[in-house]
Amino acid sequence: MTWLEVLYHKATWVNRRVRRAVPAAVVIVPRLEAVLKDFENILDASTGQRLFNSAAKTASRKVILMAKAGW
């Protein structure tokens, strides 16, 4: 089996054995802010609307606050 086949067919097995680490707040917060800043004014090609409406902007601010708090 290739690795992609293992990931597809045995996802539960892989997830039990692969370690994951979340970066510290000092690392992840600036990255989140940069990504959200880059994407907030982009228009959806099919609808012509912004990707981040007011509700999405509010939600993204909450995600950043949670990351700052260490969640």
PDB file of N, CA and C in Angstrom:
ATOM      1  N   MET A   1       0.835  -1.191   0.000  1.00  0.00           N
ATOM      2  CA  MET A   1       0.000   0.000   0.000  1.00  0.00           C
ATOM      3  C   MET A   1       0.876   1.250   0.000  1.00  0.00           C
ATOM      4  N   THR A   2       0.443   2.255  -0.718  1.00  0.00           N
ATOM      5  CA  THR A   2       1.139   3.528  -0.654  1.00  0.00           C
ATOM      6  C   THR A   2       0.683   4.265   0.603  1.00  0.00           C
ATOM      7  N   TRP A   3       1.411   5.309   0.962  1.00  0.00           N
ATOM      8  CA  TRP A   3       1.056   6.076   2.159  1.00  0.00           C
ATOM      9  C   TRP A   3      -0.332   6.706   2.018  1.00  0.00           C
ATOM     10  N   LEU A   4      -0.670   7.198   0.839  1.00  0.00           N
ATOM     11  CA  LEU A   4      -1.994   7.784   0.628  1.00  0.00           C
ATOM     12  C   LEU A   4      -3.093   6.742   0.795  1.00  0.00           C
ATOM     13  N   GLU A   5      -2.844   5.522   0.354  1.00  0.00           N
ATOM     14  CA  GLU A   5      -3.826   4.459   0.549  1.00  0.00           C
ATOM     15  C   GLU A   5      -3.983   4.115   2.024  1.00  0.00           C
ATOM     16  N   VAL A   6      -2.879   4.101   2.751  1.00  0.00           N
ATOM     17  CA  VAL A   6      -2.946   3.846   4.193  1.00  0.00           C
ATOM     18  C   VAL A   6      -3.743   4.949   4.873  1.00  0.00           C
ATOM     19  N   LEU A   7      -3.475   6.192   4.511  1.00  0.00           N
ATOM     20  CA  LEU A   7      -4.221   7.300   5.097  1.00  0.00           C
ATOM     21  C   LEU A   7      -5.709   7.184   4.809  1.00  0.00           C
ATOM     22  N   TYR A   8      -6.051   6.725   3.630  1.00  0.00           N
ATOM     23  CA  TYR A   8      -7.453   6.622   3.249  1.00  0.00           C
ATOM     24  C   TYR A   8      -8.134   5.426   3.918  1.00  0.00           C
ATOM     25  N   HIS A   9      -7.521   4.267   3.849  1.00  0.00           N
ATOM     26  CA  HIS A   9      -8.155   3.042   4.311  1.00  0.00           C
ATOM     27  C   HIS A   9      -7.992   2.789   5.805  1.00  0.00           C
ATOM     28  N   LYS A  10      -6.963   3.336   6.403  1.00  0.00           N
ATOM     29  CA  LYS A  10      -6.692   3.062   7.818  1.00  0.00           C
ATOM     30  C   LYS A  10      -6.489   4.363   8.593  1.00  0.00           C
ATOM     31  N   ALA A  11      -7.377   5.324   8.376  1.00  0.00           N
ATOM     32  CA  ALA A  11      -7.250   6.640   9.000  1.00  0.00           C
ATOM     33  C   ALA A  11      -7.271   6.553  10.524  1.00  0.00           C
ATOM     34  N   THR A  12      -8.133   5.742  11.072  1.00  0.00           N
ATOM     35  CA  THR A  12      -8.209   5.603  12.532  1.00  0.00           C
ATOM     36  C   THR A  12      -6.902   5.052  13.086  1.00  0.00           C
ATOM     37  N   TRP A  13      -6.345   4.060  12.429  1.00  0.00           N
ATOM     38  CA  TRP A  13      -5.085   3.470  12.861  1.00  0.00           C
ATOM     39  C   TRP A  13      -3.966   4.515  12.837  1.00  0.00           C
ATOM     40  N   VAL A  14      -3.903   5.301  11.769  1.00  0.00           N
ATOM     41  CA  VAL A  14      -2.870   6.328  11.637  1.00  0.00           C
ATOM     42  C   VAL A  14      -3.058   7.399  12.713  1.00  0.00           C
ATOM     43  N   ASN A  15      -4.293   7.840  12.918  1.00  0.00           N
ATOM     44  CA  ASN A  15      -4.555   8.896  13.896  1.00  0.00           C
ATOM     45  C   ASN A  15      -4.196   8.493  15.318  1.00  0.00           C
ATOM     46  N   ARG A  16      -4.286   7.211  15.628  1.00  0.00           N
ATOM     47  CA  ARG A  16      -3.891   6.756  16.958  1.00  0.00           C
ATOM     48  C   ARG A  16      -2.379   6.763  17.151  1.00  0.00           C
ATOM     49  N   ARG A  17      -1.622   6.705  16.077  1.00  0.00           N
ATOM     50  CA  ARG A  17      -0.174   6.556  16.174  1.00  0.00           C
ATOM     51  C   ARG A  17       0.644   7.785  15.808  1.00  0.00           C
ATOM     52  N   VAL A  18       0.042   8.756  15.152  1.00  0.00           N
ATOM     53  CA  VAL A  18       0.785   9.932  14.705  1.00  0.00           C
ATOM     54  C   VAL A  18       0.649  11.040  15.758  1.00  0.00           C
ATOM     55  N   ARG A  19       1.767  11.540  16.212  1.00  0.00           N
ATOM     56  CA  ARG A  19       1.756  12.623  17.188  1.00  0.00           C
ATOM     57  C   ARG A  19       1.499  13.948  16.495  1.00  0.00           C
ATOM     58  N   ARG A  20       0.783  14.814  17.200  1.00  0.00           N
ATOM     59  CA  ARG A  20       0.513  16.145  16.673  1.00  0.00           C
ATOM     60  C   ARG A  20       0.907  17.161  17.723  1.00  0.00           C
ATOM     61  N   ALA A  21       1.342  18.304  17.268  1.00  0.00           N
ATOM     62  CA  ALA A  21       1.701  19.373  18.197  1.00  0.00           C
ATOM     63  C   ALA A  21       1.104  20.679  17.682  1.00  0.00           C
ATOM     64  N   VAL A  22       0.552  21.454  18.581  1.00  0.00           N
ATOM     65  CA  VAL A  22       0.023  22.775  18.236  1.00  0.00           C
ATOM     66  C   VAL A  22       1.056  23.791  18.687  1.00  0.00           C
ATOM     67  N   PRO A  23       1.437  24.712  17.807  1.00  0.00           N
ATOM     68  CA  PRO A  23       2.441  25.703  18.187  1.00  0.00           C
ATOM     69  C   PRO A  23       1.958  26.583  19.342  1.00  0.00           C
ATOM     70  N   ALA A  24       2.897  27.172  20.039  1.00  0.00           N
ATOM     71  CA  ALA A  24       2.575  28.083  21.145  1.00  0.00           C
ATOM     72  C   ALA A  24       1.876  29.324  20.599  1.00  0.00           C
ATOM     73  N   ALA A  25       1.193  30.034  21.477  1.00  0.00           N
ATOM     74  CA  ALA A  25       0.430  31.219  21.081  1.00  0.00           C
ATOM     75  C   ALA A  25       1.314  32.270  20.411  1.00  0.00           C
ATOM     76  N   VAL A  26       2.539  32.406  20.875  1.00  0.00           N
ATOM     77  CA  VAL A  26       3.425  33.421  20.280  1.00  0.00           C
ATOM     78  C   VAL A  26       3.773  33.089  18.832  1.00  0.00           C
ATOM     79  N   VAL A  27       3.625  31.829  18.444  1.00  0.00           N
ATOM     80  CA  VAL A  27       3.906  31.412  17.076  1.00  0.00           C
ATOM     81  C   VAL A  27       2.636  31.449  16.228  1.00  0.00           C
ATOM     82  N   ILE A  28       1.549  30.913  16.772  1.00  0.00           N
ATOM     83  CA  ILE A  28       0.350  30.720  15.960  1.00  0.00           C
ATOM     84  C   ILE A  28      -0.474  31.992  15.776  1.00  0.00           C
ATOM     85  N   VAL A  29      -0.490  32.884  16.759  1.00  0.00           N
ATOM     86  CA  VAL A  29      -1.314  34.095  16.661  1.00  0.00           C
ATOM     87  C   VAL A  29      -0.876  34.993  15.496  1.00  0.00           C
ATOM     88  N   PRO A  30       0.399  35.316  15.350  1.00  0.00           N
ATOM     89  CA  PRO A  30       0.785  36.135  14.190  1.00  0.00           C
ATOM     90  C   PRO A  30       0.481  35.461  12.851  1.00  0.00           C
ATOM     91  N   ARG A  31       0.606  34.143  12.807  1.00  0.00           N
ATOM     92  CA  ARG A  31       0.304  33.428  11.565  1.00  0.00           C
ATOM     93  C   ARG A  31      -1.188  33.509  11.249  1.00  0.00           C
ATOM     94  N   LEU A  32      -2.026  33.305  12.267  1.00  0.00           N
ATOM     95  CA  LEU A  32      -3.472  33.422  12.065  1.00  0.00           C
ATOM     96  C   LEU A  32      -3.854  34.826  11.622  1.00  0.00           C
ATOM     97  N   GLU A  33      -3.296  35.815  12.287  1.00  0.00           N
ATOM     98  CA  GLU A  33      -3.605  37.200  11.931  1.00  0.00           C
ATOM     99  C   GLU A  33      -3.199  37.500  10.493  1.00  0.00           C
ATOM    100  N   ALA A  34      -2.057  36.995  10.071  1.00  0.00           N
ATOM    101  CA  ALA A  34      -1.588  37.243   8.702  1.00  0.00           C
ATOM    102  C   ALA A  34      -2.503  36.575   7.678  1.00  0.00           C
ATOM    103  N   VAL A  35      -2.891  35.340   7.937  1.00  0.00           N
ATOM    104  CA  VAL A  35      -3.769  34.630   7.007  1.00  0.00           C
ATOM    105  C   VAL A  35      -5.123  35.323   6.923  1.00  0.00           C
ATOM    106  N   LEU A  36      -5.686  35.666   8.062  1.00  0.00           N
ATOM    107  CA  LEU A  36      -6.999  36.305   8.059  1.00  0.00           C
ATOM    108  C   LEU A  36      -6.941  37.683   7.409  1.00  0.00           C
ATOM    109  N   LYS A  37      -5.854  38.409   7.622  1.00  0.00           N
ATOM    110  CA  LYS A  37      -5.698  39.717   6.986  1.00  0.00           C
ATOM    111  C   LYS A  37      -5.601  39.574   5.466  1.00  0.00           C
ATOM    112  N   ASP A  38      -4.876  38.549   5.012  1.00  0.00           N
ATOM    113  CA  ASP A  38      -4.708  38.341   3.577  1.00  0.00           C
ATOM    114  C   ASP A  38      -6.016  37.943   2.888  1.00  0.00           C
ATOM    115  N   PHE A  39      -6.867  37.204   3.574  1.00  0.00           N
ATOM    116  CA  PHE A  39      -8.071  36.669   2.945  1.00  0.00           C
ATOM    117  C   PHE A  39      -9.336  37.486   3.198  1.00  0.00           C
ATOM    118  N   GLU A  40      -9.307  38.450   4.104  1.00  0.00           N
ATOM    119  CA  GLU A  40     -10.555  39.121   4.466  1.00  0.00           C
ATOM    120  C   GLU A  40     -11.144  39.969   3.344  1.00  0.00           C
ATOM    121  N   ASN A  41     -10.354  40.477   2.425  1.00  0.00           N
ATOM    122  CA  ASN A  41     -10.876  41.324   1.355  1.00  0.00           C
ATOM    123  C   ASN A  41     -10.957  40.629   0.001  1.00  0.00           C
ATOM    124  N   ILE A  42     -10.702  39.332  -0.028  1.00  0.00           N
ATOM    125  CA  ILE A  42     -10.752  38.595  -1.288  1.00  0.00           C
ATOM    126  C   ILE A  42     -12.203  38.317  -1.660  1.00  0.00           C
ATOM    127  N   LEU A  43     -12.502  38.418  -2.951  1.00  0.00           N
ATOM    128  CA  LEU A  43     -13.850  38.159  -3.446  1.00  0.00           C
ATOM    129  C   LEU A  43     -13.970  36.725  -3.937  1.00  0.00           C
ATOM    130  N   ASP A  44     -15.130  36.134  -3.678  1.00  0.00           N
ATOM    131  CA  ASP A  44     -15.438  34.804  -4.185  1.00  0.00           C
ATOM    132  C   ASP A  44     -15.658  34.913  -5.694  1.00  0.00           C
ATOM    133  N   ALA A  45     -15.001  34.069  -6.455  1.00  0.00           N
ATOM    134  CA  ALA A  45     -15.077  34.145  -7.914  1.00  0.00           C
ATOM    135  C   ALA A  45     -16.472  33.833  -8.442  1.00  0.00           C
ATOM    136  N   SER A  46     -17.182  32.932  -7.791  1.00  0.00           N
ATOM    137  CA  SER A  46     -18.491  32.536  -8.320  1.00  0.00           C
ATOM    138  C   SER A  46     -19.609  33.495  -7.919  1.00  0.00           C
ATOM    139  N   THR A  47     -19.553  34.047  -6.698  1.00  0.00           N
ATOM    140  CA  THR A  47     -20.641  34.922  -6.236  1.00  0.00           C
ATOM    141  C   THR A  47     -20.291  36.396  -6.292  1.00  0.00           C
ATOM    142  N   GLY A  48     -19.006  36.717  -6.295  1.00  0.00           N
ATOM    143  CA  GLY A  48     -18.591  38.113  -6.295  1.00  0.00           C
ATOM    144  C   GLY A  48     -18.659  38.768  -4.926  1.00  0.00           C
ATOM    145  N   GLN A  49     -19.003  37.995  -3.899  1.00  0.00           N
ATOM    146  CA  GLN A  49     -19.076  38.523  -2.534  1.00  0.00           C
ATOM    147  C   GLN A  49     -17.749  38.288  -1.824  1.00  0.00           C
ATOM    148  N   ARG A  50     -17.536  39.071  -0.776  1.00  0.00           N
ATOM    149  CA  ARG A  50     -16.315  38.901   0.018  1.00  0.00           C
ATOM    150  C   ARG A  50     -16.360  37.570   0.759  1.00  0.00           C
ATOM    151  N   LEU A  51     -15.182  36.959   0.920  1.00  0.00           N
ATOM    152  CA  LEU A  51     -15.113  35.704   1.671  1.00  0.00           C
ATOM    153  C   LEU A  51     -15.463  35.914   3.133  1.00  0.00           C
ATOM    154  N   PHE A  52     -15.083  37.061   3.677  1.00  0.00           N
ATOM    155  CA  PHE A  52     -15.331  37.350   5.086  1.00  0.00           C
ATOM    156  C   PHE A  52     -16.398  38.424   5.211  1.00  0.00           C
ATOM    157  N   ASN A  53     -17.629  37.991   5.476  1.00  0.00           N
ATOM    158  CA  ASN A  53     -18.671  38.962   5.783  1.00  0.00           C
ATOM    159  C   ASN A  53     -18.511  39.377   7.240  1.00  0.00           C
ATOM    160  N   SER A  54     -19.434  40.159   7.765  1.00  0.00           N
ATOM    161  CA  SER A  54     -19.269  40.662   9.134  1.00  0.00           C
ATOM    162  C   SER A  54     -19.287  39.527  10.154  1.00  0.00           C
ATOM    163  N   ALA A  55     -20.113  38.515   9.936  1.00  0.00           N
ATOM    164  CA  ALA A  55     -20.153  37.377  10.869  1.00  0.00           C
ATOM    165  C   ALA A  55     -18.846  36.599  10.845  1.00  0.00           C
ATOM    166  N   ALA A  56     -18.274  36.416   9.661  1.00  0.00           N
ATOM    167  CA  ALA A  56     -17.011  35.686   9.546  1.00  0.00           C
ATOM    168  C   ALA A  56     -15.865  36.470  10.177  1.00  0.00           C
ATOM    169  N   LYS A  57     -15.889  37.797  10.024  1.00  0.00           N
ATOM    170  CA  LYS A  57     -14.850  38.623  10.653  1.00  0.00           C
ATOM    171  C   LYS A  57     -14.944  38.529  12.173  1.00  0.00           C
ATOM    172  N   THR A  58     -16.166  38.543  12.702  1.00  0.00           N
ATOM    173  CA  THR A  58     -16.355  38.409  14.148  1.00  0.00           C
ATOM    174  C   THR A  58     -15.843  37.054  14.624  1.00  0.00           C
ATOM    175  N   ALA A  59     -16.171  36.001  13.890  1.00  0.00           N
ATOM    176  CA  ALA A  59     -15.721  34.664  14.250  1.00  0.00           C
ATOM    177  C   ALA A  59     -14.203  34.559  14.194  1.00  0.00           C
ATOM    178  N   SER A  60     -13.584  35.181  13.194  1.00  0.00           N
ATOM    179  CA  SER A  60     -12.126  35.113  13.085  1.00  0.00           C
ATOM    180  C   SER A  60     -11.455  35.856  14.240  1.00  0.00           C
ATOM    181  N   ARG A  61     -12.044  36.969  14.666  1.00  0.00           N
ATOM    182  CA  ARG A  61     -11.488  37.675  15.833  1.00  0.00           C
ATOM    183  C   ARG A  61     -11.573  36.802  17.086  1.00  0.00           C
ATOM    184  N   LYS A  62     -12.668  36.062  17.212  1.00  0.00           N
ATOM    185  CA  LYS A  62     -12.821  35.173  18.369  1.00  0.00           C
ATOM    186  C   LYS A  62     -11.792  34.042  18.339  1.00  0.00           C
ATOM    187  N   VAL A  63     -11.501  33.539  17.142  1.00  0.00           N
ATOM    188  CA  VAL A  63     -10.482  32.491  17.017  1.00  0.00           C
ATOM    189  C   VAL A  63      -9.126  33.023  17.454  1.00  0.00           C
ATOM    190  N   ILE A  64      -8.812  34.246  17.057  1.00  0.00           N
ATOM    191  CA  ILE A  64      -7.533  34.847  17.453  1.00  0.00           C
ATOM    192  C   ILE A  64      -7.486  35.055  18.962  1.00  0.00           C
ATOM    193  N   LEU A  65      -8.587  35.509  19.550  1.00  0.00           N
ATOM    194  CA  LEU A  65      -8.619  35.674  21.000  1.00  0.00           C
ATOM    195  C   LEU A  65      -8.439  34.355  21.720  1.00  0.00           C
ATOM    196  N   MET A  66      -9.043  33.301  21.198  1.00  0.00           N
ATOM    197  CA  MET A  66      -8.876  31.984  21.812  1.00  0.00           C
ATOM    198  C   MET A  66      -7.432  31.511  21.690  1.00  0.00           C
ATOM    199  N   ALA A  67      -6.801  31.761  20.553  1.00  0.00           N
ATOM    200  CA  ALA A  67      -5.401  31.366  20.375  1.00  0.00           C
ATOM    201  C   ALA A  67      -4.507  32.143  21.339  1.00  0.00           C
ATOM    202  N   LYS A  68      -4.806  33.440  21.521  1.00  0.00           N
ATOM    203  CA  LYS A  68      -4.024  34.236  22.473  1.00  0.00           C
ATOM    204  C   LYS A  68      -4.177  33.709  23.888  1.00  0.00           C
ATOM    205  N   ALA A  69      -5.360  33.173  24.191  1.00  0.00           N
ATOM    206  CA  ALA A  69      -5.611  32.637  25.527  1.00  0.00           C
ATOM    207  C   ALA A  69      -4.987  31.254  25.721  1.00  0.00           C
ATOM    208  N   GLY A  70      -4.470  30.670  24.637  1.00  0.00           N
ATOM    209  CA  GLY A  70      -3.797  29.385  24.761  1.00  0.00           C
ATOM    210  C   GLY A  70      -4.658  28.198  24.416  1.00  0.00           C
ATOM    211  N   TRP A  71      -5.818  28.408  23.869  1.00  0.00           N
ATOM    212  CA  TRP A  71      -6.689  27.279  23.508  1.00  0.00           C
ATOM    213  C   TRP A  71      -6.236  26.702  22.219  1.00  0.00           C
TER     214      TRP A  71
END
